[in-house]
Amino acid sequence: MIPVRHLDDLPLGESVRIDTAPPIAVLNADGELYAIDDTCTHQDASLTDGWVEGCLVECPLHAASFDRRTGAPARRRARRAVRTRPVTVANGTVHVHHTVEEGTAA
């Protein structure tokens, strides 16, 4: 598991980038935590710099969007999914698992 930060330091609607290979975006959407690959599959842009709206994460460059729950491309431009990973909280610290969740892009 990769420790990210304390849950109190990841407010609702915010995201944080983990500089791993590949980089991972951890999102706090309405109190639910999600981890997806941070690089847009349409252009080389950080999804952490984009916007979270409902179930979607939007790329800041060309509005490619991905479902934060599944990694699936949702609209415009992106055709390939981003990978998702499990997220847990232990003793108040957010952790991202190394394993890719079933059903997401390889």
Protein backbone atom coordinates (compact mmCIF):
# COMPACT_ATOMS: atom_id res chain seq x y z
CA MET A 1 0.00 0.00 0.00
CA ILE A 2 1.06 3.54 -0.70
CA PRO A 3 0.40 6.05 2.12
CA VAL A 4 -1.05 9.25 0.65
CA ARG A 5 -1.89 11.68 3.47
CA HIS A 6 -4.18 12.07 6.45
CA LEU A 7 -7.86 12.01 5.51
CA ASP A 8 -8.36 15.47 7.09
CA ASP A 9 -5.81 16.85 4.60
CA LEU A 10 -7.86 15.70 1.59
CA PRO A 11 -11.03 17.83 1.67
CA LEU A 12 -14.24 17.04 -0.19
CA GLY A 13 -13.94 17.75 -3.90
CA GLU A 14 -10.13 17.84 -3.80
CA SER A 15 -7.55 15.55 -5.32
CA VAL A 16 -3.87 14.84 -4.81
CA ARG A 17 -1.23 13.42 -7.16
CA ILE A 18 1.06 10.60 -6.06
CA ASP A 19 4.33 10.60 -7.98
CA THR A 20 4.57 6.89 -8.67
CA ALA A 21 5.09 5.12 -12.00
CA PRO A 22 2.55 5.73 -13.39
CA PRO A 23 1.32 8.73 -11.36
CA ILE A 24 -1.94 8.22 -9.46
CA ALA A 25 -4.69 10.74 -8.68
CA VAL A 26 -6.51 10.27 -5.37
CA LEU A 27 -9.92 11.96 -5.32
CA ASN A 28 -12.26 12.79 -2.46
CA ALA A 29 -15.63 13.00 -4.18
CA ASP A 30 -18.52 13.54 -1.78
CA GLY A 31 -16.65 11.70 0.97
CA GLU A 32 -15.90 8.68 -1.21
CA LEU A 33 -12.23 8.09 -2.05
CA TYR A 34 -11.08 6.96 -5.49
CA ALA A 35 -7.69 6.33 -7.08
CA ILE A 36 -7.15 6.47 -10.85
CA ASP A 37 -4.18 6.83 -13.16
CA ASP A 38 -3.38 10.53 -13.16
CA THR A 39 -2.46 10.83 -16.85
CA CYS A 40 -5.21 11.42 -19.40
CA THR A 41 -5.19 8.77 -22.15
CA HIS A 42 -6.01 11.40 -24.79
CA GLN A 43 -3.22 13.87 -24.03
CA ASP A 44 -0.37 13.87 -21.54
CA ALA A 45 -2.14 15.93 -18.89
CA SER A 46 -2.57 15.48 -15.15
CA LEU A 47 -6.14 14.64 -14.18
CA THR A 48 -5.35 16.06 -10.73
CA ASP A 49 -5.30 19.47 -12.44
CA GLY A 50 -8.77 18.82 -13.90
CA TRP A 51 -12.24 19.00 -12.40
CA VAL A 52 -14.40 16.51 -10.52
CA GLU A 53 -18.07 16.82 -11.43
CA GLY A 54 -20.45 14.14 -10.25
CA CYS A 55 -18.96 10.78 -11.23
CA LEU A 56 -16.60 12.31 -13.78
CA VAL A 57 -13.04 13.57 -13.72
CA GLU A 58 -12.38 16.02 -16.56
CA CYS A 59 -8.98 16.57 -18.14
CA PRO A 60 -7.85 20.21 -18.02
CA LEU A 61 -6.61 20.22 -21.63
CA HIS A 62 -9.41 19.07 -23.92
CA ALA A 63 -12.31 18.10 -21.63
CA ALA A 64 -11.81 14.34 -21.97
CA SER A 65 -13.67 12.78 -19.05
CA PHE A 66 -13.38 9.54 -17.11
CA ASP A 67 -15.71 7.83 -14.66
CA ARG A 68 -13.86 8.04 -11.34
CA ARG A 69 -15.42 4.75 -10.19
CA THR A 70 -14.45 2.58 -13.18
CA GLY A 71 -11.88 4.60 -15.16
CA ALA A 72 -14.02 4.32 -18.29
CA PRO A 73 -13.92 7.21 -20.75
CA ALA A 74 -17.20 9.08 -20.46
CA ARG A 75 -17.30 11.73 -23.16
CA ARG A 76 -15.21 13.56 -25.73
CA ARG A 77 -11.86 12.56 -27.08
CA ALA A 78 -10.64 9.85 -24.71
CA ARG A 79 -11.20 6.35 -26.00
CA ARG A 80 -9.09 4.36 -23.56
CA ALA A 81 -9.87 3.96 -19.88
CA VAL A 82 -7.57 4.90 -17.04
CA ARG A 83 -6.83 2.26 -14.39
CA THR A 84 -8.40 2.37 -10.96
CA ARG A 85 -7.00 1.11 -7.67
CA PRO A 86 -8.53 0.31 -4.29
CA VAL A 87 -8.29 2.98 -1.58
CA THR A 88 -8.47 2.32 2.16
CA VAL A 89 -8.17 4.45 5.27
CA ALA A 90 -6.22 3.08 8.23
CA ASN A 91 -5.71 5.09 11.42
CA GLY A 92 -6.85 8.22 9.58
CA THR A 93 -4.31 7.83 6.75
CA VAL A 94 -5.43 7.32 3.16
CA HIS A 95 -3.68 4.43 1.39
CA VAL A 96 -3.74 3.40 -2.28
CA HIS A 97 -3.19 -0.24 -3.15
CA HIS A 98 -0.69 -1.22 -5.85
CA THR A 99 -3.12 -3.66 -7.45
CA VAL A 100 -5.35 -2.57 -10.31
CA GLU A 101 -9.04 -3.26 -9.75
CA GLU A 102 -10.86 -5.80 -11.89
CA GLY A 103 -12.52 -4.46 -15.03
CA THR A 104 -10.25 -1.45 -15.52
CA ALA A 105 -7.79 -0.72 -18.30
CA ALA A 106 -4.46 -2.46 -18.30
